[in-house]
Amino acid sequence: MIKIKQAIIVEGRYDKIKLSSLVDALIIPTNGFALYKDRETTELIKMLAKKTGIIILTDSDSAGFQIRSRLRSVVKEGEVINVYIPDIFGKERRKRTPSKQGKLGVEGMSAQVLLEAFRKAGVISEEEAPKGDPITKADLVGLGLSGGENSSERRKALQKRLGLPELLSANLLLEILNVNYTREQFFSMIKQPE
C-alpha cells in the first residue's frame, strides 16, 4: 500500500473503495453532481487543498470532466494535482450496461493502471520530477496541436498515443505534458513515428 499525503477527490463511493485497496490516503467522494449543492464537502475540499493539497481523480467521461472543472473553479488556493485515467472501453462488473460513453471509470481500472496514472502525475515517483524549460502553448501551436485547423484531431491522436483521455483541452494537455515530460523528451517523442 502506498502512502499519499494529499487528499484524493473521487466521484463516488465505489471509486473510494477501489482506491482504498491501493493507497493509504484520505479519500473524499463528491457523490457525483451532488457536489454542486453540497457546500460542506466543497468547503472541506477547499480547506484540504490549502492544508495538505488535493488530488483530483475523476472518470474520463464528460461527467468526470465537469466535476473536475467544478473543483478547479472552487479551489482558489492550495495545491491541486490532476490525475487522469486513460480511455478504456468496457463496463464495470457491478453494472448491467456500460456508461453512456462506454468508458470504464476509476472503479473499473486495474490497480496497475491507477498506480501508473498516479506515477505519471508525479504523485508516486522514484525519481525527481523533470527539470528544465517547460513545454509552452506556443509549442503546441507550432506543432499544430492548438489554435489551428484540425488541431483538435491532432491533439486527440497524440492523447491516444500517450494513453490519455480524449476530452482534454489544450490547456489541460499542456499541464499534463509538463508534469510527465521535459521539453526535450516531448520533442523527441513527437519526432518518433507512431
C-alpha atoms as a PDB file:
ATOM      1  CA  MET A   1       0.000   0.000   0.000  1.00  0.00           C
ATOM      2  CA  ILE A   2       1.335   3.427  -0.955  1.00  0.00           C
ATOM      3  CA  LYS A   3       1.019   6.370   1.427  1.00  0.00           C
ATOM      4  CA  ILE A   4      -0.116   9.635  -0.157  1.00  0.00           C
ATOM      5  CA  LYS A   5      -0.162  12.842   1.883  1.00  0.00           C
ATOM      6  CA  GLN A   6      -2.695  14.689  -0.274  1.00  0.00           C
ATOM      7  CA  ALA A   7      -6.428  14.062  -0.024  1.00  0.00           C
ATOM      8  CA  ILE A   8      -7.807  12.291  -3.095  1.00  0.00           C
ATOM      9  CA  ILE A   9     -11.087  13.566  -4.502  1.00  0.00           C
ATOM     10  CA  VAL A  10     -13.129  10.991  -6.448  1.00  0.00           C
ATOM     11  CA  GLU A  11     -16.655  10.884  -7.848  1.00  0.00           C
ATOM     12  CA  GLY A  12     -18.295   8.112  -5.863  1.00  0.00           C
ATOM     13  CA  ARG A  13     -18.101   5.537  -3.112  1.00  0.00           C
ATOM     14  CA  TYR A  14     -17.101   2.675  -5.445  1.00  0.00           C
ATOM     15  CA  ASP A  15     -14.139   4.752  -6.618  1.00  0.00           C
ATOM     16  CA  LYS A  16     -13.230   5.274  -2.965  1.00  0.00           C
ATOM     17  CA  ILE A  17     -13.474   1.534  -2.242  1.00  0.00           C
ATOM     18  CA  LYS A  18     -11.223   0.744  -5.216  1.00  0.00           C
ATOM     19  CA  LEU A  19      -8.560   3.272  -4.199  1.00  0.00           C
ATOM     20  CA  SER A  20      -8.683   2.263  -0.531  1.00  0.00           C
ATOM     21  CA  SER A  21      -7.191  -1.084  -1.507  1.00  0.00           C
ATOM     22  CA  LEU A  22      -4.219   0.620  -3.203  1.00  0.00           C
ATOM     23  CA  VAL A  23      -3.344   3.761  -1.280  1.00  0.00           C
ATOM     24  CA  ASP A  24      -3.206   4.965   2.286  1.00  0.00           C
ATOM     25  CA  ALA A  25      -4.768   8.415   1.954  1.00  0.00           C
ATOM     26  CA  LEU A  26      -7.816  10.455   2.821  1.00  0.00           C
ATOM     27  CA  ILE A  27     -10.310   9.788   0.012  1.00  0.00           C
ATOM     28  CA  ILE A  28     -13.294  12.122  -0.373  1.00  0.00           C
ATOM     29  CA  PRO A  29     -16.149  11.182  -2.745  1.00  0.00           C
ATOM     30  CA  THR A  30     -18.101  14.082  -4.289  1.00  0.00           C
ATOM     31  CA  ASN A  31     -21.149  11.860  -4.832  1.00  0.00           C
ATOM     32  CA  GLY A  32     -21.186  12.948  -8.448  1.00  0.00           C
ATOM     33  CA  PHE A  33     -23.021  16.165  -9.225  1.00  0.00           C
ATOM     34  CA  ALA A  34     -24.224  16.424  -5.601  1.00  0.00           C
ATOM     35  CA  LEU A  35     -21.009  18.423  -5.156  1.00  0.00           C
ATOM     36  CA  TYR A  36     -22.702  21.401  -6.810  1.00  0.00           C
ATOM     37  CA  LYS A  37     -25.163  21.678  -3.890  1.00  0.00           C
ATOM     38  CA  ASP A  38     -23.014  20.260  -1.095  1.00  0.00           C
ATOM     39  CA  ARG A  39     -21.434  23.326   0.478  1.00  0.00           C
ATOM     40  CA  GLU A  40     -19.966  21.337   3.355  1.00  0.00           C
ATOM     41  CA  THR A  41     -17.983  18.962   1.104  1.00  0.00           C
ATOM     42  CA  THR A  42     -16.894  21.884  -1.067  1.00  0.00           C
ATOM     43  CA  GLU A  43     -15.563  23.765   1.968  1.00  0.00           C
ATOM     44  CA  LEU A  44     -13.792  20.632   3.194  1.00  0.00           C
ATOM     45  CA  ILE A  45     -12.078  20.189  -0.170  1.00  0.00           C
ATOM     46  CA  LYS A  46     -11.012  23.861  -0.218  1.00  0.00           C
ATOM     47  CA  MET A  47      -9.570  23.524   3.283  1.00  0.00           C
ATOM     48  CA  LEU A  48      -7.726  20.309   2.387  1.00  0.00           C
ATOM     49  CA  ALA A  49      -6.235  21.938  -0.721  1.00  0.00           C
ATOM     50  CA  LYS A  50      -4.671  24.612   1.492  1.00  0.00           C
ATOM     51  CA  LYS A  51      -3.594  22.253   4.255  1.00  0.00           C
ATOM     52  CA  THR A  52      -2.336  19.051   2.569  1.00  0.00           C
ATOM     53  CA  GLY A  53      -3.084  19.542  -1.110  1.00  0.00           C
ATOM     54  CA  ILE A  54      -5.646  17.561  -3.106  1.00  0.00           C
ATOM     55  CA  ILE A  55      -5.515  15.108  -5.964  1.00  0.00           C
ATOM     56  CA  ILE A  56      -8.470  15.135  -8.356  1.00  0.00           C
ATOM     57  CA  LEU A  57      -9.163  11.701  -9.881  1.00  0.00           C
ATOM     58  CA  THR A  58     -12.408  11.529 -11.842  1.00  0.00           C
ATOM     59  CA  ASP A  59     -13.639   9.294 -14.649  1.00  0.00           C
ATOM     60  CA  SER A  60     -12.523  10.205 -18.179  1.00  0.00           C
ATOM     61  CA  ASP A  61     -16.075  10.768 -19.422  1.00  0.00           C
ATOM     62  CA  SER A  62     -17.839  14.124 -19.816  1.00  0.00           C
ATOM     63  CA  ALA A  63     -19.410  13.942 -16.327  1.00  0.00           C
ATOM     64  CA  GLY A  64     -15.979  13.342 -14.791  1.00  0.00           C
ATOM     65  CA  PHE A  65     -14.562  16.354 -16.607  1.00  0.00           C
ATOM     66  CA  GLN A  66     -17.484  18.535 -15.479  1.00  0.00           C
ATOM     67  CA  ILE A  67     -16.856  17.575 -11.850  1.00  0.00           C
ATOM     68  CA  ARG A  68     -13.115  18.138 -12.283  1.00  0.00           C
ATOM     69  CA  SER A  69     -13.802  21.567 -13.796  1.00  0.00           C
ATOM     70  CA  ARG A  70     -16.124  22.454 -10.922  1.00  0.00           C
ATOM     71  CA  LEU A  71     -13.460  21.511  -8.379  1.00  0.00           C
ATOM     72  CA  ARG A  72     -10.818  23.547 -10.205  1.00  0.00           C
ATOM     73  CA  SER A  73     -13.135  26.565 -10.227  1.00  0.00           C
ATOM     74  CA  VAL A  74     -13.940  26.493  -6.497  1.00  0.00           C
ATOM     75  CA  VAL A  75     -10.457  25.679  -5.189  1.00  0.00           C
ATOM     76  CA  LYS A  76      -8.619  29.005  -5.451  1.00  0.00           C
ATOM     77  CA  GLU A  77      -5.759  28.356  -3.012  1.00  0.00           C
ATOM     78  CA  GLY A  78      -3.515  25.420  -2.229  1.00  0.00           C
ATOM     79  CA  GLU A  79      -2.102  22.515  -4.155  1.00  0.00           C
ATOM     80  CA  VAL A  80      -4.241  20.780  -6.783  1.00  0.00           C
ATOM     81  CA  ILE A  81      -2.839  17.792  -8.660  1.00  0.00           C
ATOM     82  CA  ASN A  82      -4.805  16.301 -11.525  1.00  0.00           C
ATOM     83  CA  VAL A  83      -4.502  12.564 -12.104  1.00  0.00           C
ATOM     84  CA  TYR A  84      -6.033  11.259 -15.322  1.00  0.00           C
ATOM     85  CA  ILE A  85      -7.031   7.728 -16.214  1.00  0.00           C
ATOM     86  CA  PRO A  86      -6.862   6.599 -19.857  1.00  0.00           C
ATOM     87  CA  ASP A  87      -9.871   5.942 -22.053  1.00  0.00           C
ATOM     88  CA  ILE A  88     -10.528   2.229 -21.674  1.00  0.00           C
ATOM     89  CA  PHE A  89     -13.813   0.993 -23.059  1.00  0.00           C
ATOM     90  CA  GLY A  90     -15.881  -1.583 -21.239  1.00  0.00           C
ATOM     91  CA  LYS A  91     -18.251  -1.834 -18.291  1.00  0.00           C
ATOM     92  CA  GLU A  92     -17.772  -2.219 -14.573  1.00  0.00           C
ATOM     93  CA  ARG A  93     -18.651  -5.637 -13.160  1.00  0.00           C
ATOM     94  CA  ARG A  94     -21.352  -4.310 -10.840  1.00  0.00           C
ATOM     95  CA  LYS A  95     -23.230  -2.566 -13.686  1.00  0.00           C
ATOM     96  CA  ARG A  96     -25.633  -4.134 -16.141  1.00  0.00           C
ATOM     97  CA  THR A  97     -24.712  -1.827 -19.009  1.00  0.00           C
ATOM     98  CA  PRO A  98     -21.697   0.315 -19.877  1.00  0.00           C
ATOM     99  CA  SER A  99     -21.674   4.028 -19.099  1.00  0.00           C
ATOM    100  CA  LYS A 100     -23.178   6.476 -21.578  1.00  0.00           C
ATOM    101  CA  GLN A 101     -19.817   6.925 -23.330  1.00  0.00           C
ATOM    102  CA  GLY A 102     -18.819   3.280 -22.853  1.00  0.00           C
ATOM    103  CA  LYS A 103     -15.693   4.062 -20.836  1.00  0.00           C
ATOM    104  CA  LEU A 104     -14.543   2.435 -17.625  1.00  0.00           C
ATOM    105  CA  GLY A 105     -14.468   4.717 -14.625  1.00  0.00           C
ATOM    106  CA  VAL A 106     -11.990   4.810 -11.763  1.00  0.00           C
ATOM    107  CA  GLU A 107     -13.651   1.807 -10.114  1.00  0.00           C
ATOM    108  CA  GLY A 108     -13.199  -0.275 -13.276  1.00  0.00           C
ATOM    109  CA  MET A 109      -9.474   0.420 -13.688  1.00  0.00           C
ATOM    110  CA  SER A 110      -6.879  -2.174 -12.751  1.00  0.00           C
ATOM    111  CA  ALA A 111      -4.532  -1.446  -9.863  1.00  0.00           C
ATOM    112  CA  GLN A 112      -1.648  -1.232 -12.332  1.00  0.00           C
ATOM    113  CA  VAL A 113      -3.393   1.413 -14.470  1.00  0.00           C
ATOM    114  CA  LEU A 114      -4.314   3.504 -11.416  1.00  0.00           C
ATOM    115  CA  LEU A 115      -0.825   3.386  -9.917  1.00  0.00           C
ATOM    116  CA  GLU A 116       0.675   4.300 -13.285  1.00  0.00           C
ATOM    117  CA  ALA A 117      -1.707   7.291 -13.511  1.00  0.00           C
ATOM    118  CA  PHE A 118      -0.506   8.471 -10.090  1.00  0.00           C
ATOM    119  CA  ARG A 119       3.118   7.940 -11.122  1.00  0.00           C
ATOM    120  CA  LYS A 120       2.637   9.911 -14.360  1.00  0.00           C
ATOM    121  CA  ALA A 121       1.195  12.815 -12.371  1.00  0.00           C
ATOM    122  CA  GLY A 122       4.271  12.821 -10.151  1.00  0.00           C
ATOM    123  CA  VAL A 123       2.443  11.659  -7.028  1.00  0.00           C
ATOM    124  CA  ILE A 124       4.354   8.369  -6.814  1.00  0.00           C
ATOM    125  CA  SER A 125       7.892   8.783  -8.012  1.00  0.00           C
ATOM    126  CA  GLU A 126      11.179   7.025  -7.632  1.00  0.00           C
ATOM    127  CA  GLU A 127      12.935   9.819  -9.442  1.00  0.00           C
ATOM    128  CA  GLU A 128      12.885  13.580  -9.275  1.00  0.00           C
ATOM    129  CA  ALA A 129      10.375  15.482 -11.390  1.00  0.00           C
ATOM    130  CA  PRO A 130      11.645  16.622 -14.800  1.00  0.00           C
ATOM    131  CA  LYS A 131      13.515  19.909 -14.786  1.00  0.00           C
ATOM    132  CA  GLY A 132      14.333  22.466 -17.463  1.00  0.00           C
ATOM    133  CA  ASP A 133      12.330  24.690 -19.758  1.00  0.00           C
ATOM    134  CA  PRO A 134       8.606  23.934 -19.827  1.00  0.00           C
ATOM    135  CA  ILE A 135       6.594  22.983 -22.874  1.00  0.00           C
ATOM    136  CA  THR A 136       4.617  26.107 -23.834  1.00  0.00           C
ATOM    137  CA  LYS A 137       1.336  26.931 -25.510  1.00  0.00           C
ATOM    138  CA  ALA A 138       3.403  28.346 -28.401  1.00  0.00           C
ATOM    139  CA  ASP A 139       4.981  24.898 -28.796  1.00  0.00           C
ATOM    140  CA  LEU A 140       1.534  23.323 -29.133  1.00  0.00           C
ATOM    141  CA  VAL A 141       0.533  25.960 -31.693  1.00  0.00           C
ATOM    142  CA  GLY A 142       3.774  25.417 -33.624  1.00  0.00           C
ATOM    143  CA  LEU A 143       3.154  21.668 -33.725  1.00  0.00           C
ATOM    144  CA  GLY A 144      -0.420  22.172 -34.944  1.00  0.00           C
ATOM    145  CA  LEU A 145      -1.891  20.871 -31.684  1.00  0.00           C
ATOM    146  CA  SER A 146      -3.652  24.098 -30.741  1.00  0.00           C
ATOM    147  CA  GLY A 147      -5.248  27.094 -32.425  1.00  0.00           C
ATOM    148  CA  GLY A 148      -5.237  25.808 -35.979  1.00  0.00           C
ATOM    149  CA  GLU A 149      -7.190  23.831 -38.496  1.00  0.00           C
ATOM    150  CA  ASN A 150      -7.593  20.193 -37.389  1.00  0.00           C
ATOM    151  CA  SER A 151      -5.639  20.894 -34.178  1.00  0.00           C
ATOM    152  CA  SER A 152      -8.310  19.173 -32.100  1.00  0.00           C
ATOM    153  CA  GLU A 153      -7.969  15.965 -34.144  1.00  0.00           C
ATOM    154  CA  ARG A 154      -4.146  16.113 -33.937  1.00  0.00           C
ATOM    155  CA  ARG A 155      -4.373  16.638 -30.170  1.00  0.00           C
ATOM    156  CA  LYS A 156      -6.747  13.678 -29.781  1.00  0.00           C
ATOM    157  CA  ALA A 157      -4.364  11.469 -31.790  1.00  0.00           C
ATOM    158  CA  LEU A 158      -1.454  12.498 -29.548  1.00  0.00           C
ATOM    159  CA  GLN A 159      -3.544  11.934 -26.403  1.00  0.00           C
ATOM    160  CA  LYS A 160      -4.493   8.462 -27.626  1.00  0.00           C
ATOM    161  CA  ARG A 161      -0.826   7.707 -28.349  1.00  0.00           C
ATOM    162  CA  LEU A 162       0.069   8.786 -24.802  1.00  0.00           C
ATOM    163  CA  GLY A 163      -2.800   6.844 -23.191  1.00  0.00           C
ATOM    164  CA  LEU A 164      -4.634   9.996 -22.098  1.00  0.00           C
ATOM    165  CA  PRO A 165      -8.392  10.646 -22.213  1.00  0.00           C
ATOM    166  CA  GLU A 166      -9.717  12.286 -25.373  1.00  0.00           C
ATOM    167  CA  LEU A 167     -11.674  15.058 -23.649  1.00  0.00           C
ATOM    168  CA  LEU A 168      -8.655  17.145 -22.597  1.00  0.00           C
ATOM    169  CA  SER A 169      -8.482  20.791 -23.585  1.00  0.00           C
ATOM    170  CA  ALA A 170      -5.214  22.153 -24.988  1.00  0.00           C
ATOM    171  CA  ASN A 171      -4.510  23.794 -21.612  1.00  0.00           C
ATOM    172  CA  LEU A 172      -5.029  20.574 -19.646  1.00  0.00           C
ATOM    173  CA  LEU A 173      -2.905  18.654 -22.147  1.00  0.00           C
ATOM    174  CA  LEU A 174      -0.135  21.215 -21.678  1.00  0.00           C
ATOM    175  CA  GLU A 175      -0.332  20.813 -17.893  1.00  0.00           C
ATOM    176  CA  ILE A 176      -0.107  17.018 -18.177  1.00  0.00           C
ATOM    177  CA  LEU A 177       2.790  17.172 -20.641  1.00  0.00           C
ATOM    178  CA  ASN A 178       4.787  19.429 -18.334  1.00  0.00           C
ATOM    179  CA  VAL A 179       4.237  17.075 -15.384  1.00  0.00           C
ATOM    180  CA  ASN A 180       5.276  13.985 -17.351  1.00  0.00           C
ATOM    181  CA  TYR A 181       7.963  15.140 -19.794  1.00  0.00           C
ATOM    182  CA  THR A 182      10.871  17.509 -20.124  1.00  0.00           C
ATOM    183  CA  ARG A 183      10.779  19.741 -23.174  1.00  0.00           C
ATOM    184  CA  GLU A 184      13.493  17.608 -24.783  1.00  0.00           C
ATOM    185  CA  GLN A 185      11.658  14.331 -24.090  1.00  0.00           C
ATOM    186  CA  PHE A 186       8.447  15.736 -25.552  1.00  0.00           C
ATOM    187  CA  PHE A 187      10.034  16.949 -28.801  1.00  0.00           C
ATOM    188  CA  SER A 188      11.984  13.715 -29.148  1.00  0.00           C
ATOM    189  CA  MET A 189       8.777  11.716 -28.704  1.00  0.00           C
ATOM    190  CA  ILE A 190       6.864  13.875 -31.221  1.00  0.00           C
ATOM    191  CA  LYS A 191       9.530  13.220 -33.874  1.00  0.00           C
ATOM    192  CA  GLN A 192       9.243   9.440 -33.448  1.00  0.00           C
ATOM    193  CA  PRO A 193       6.935   7.663 -35.901  1.00  0.00           C
ATOM    194  CA  GLU A 194       3.685   6.410 -34.429  1.00  0.00           C
END
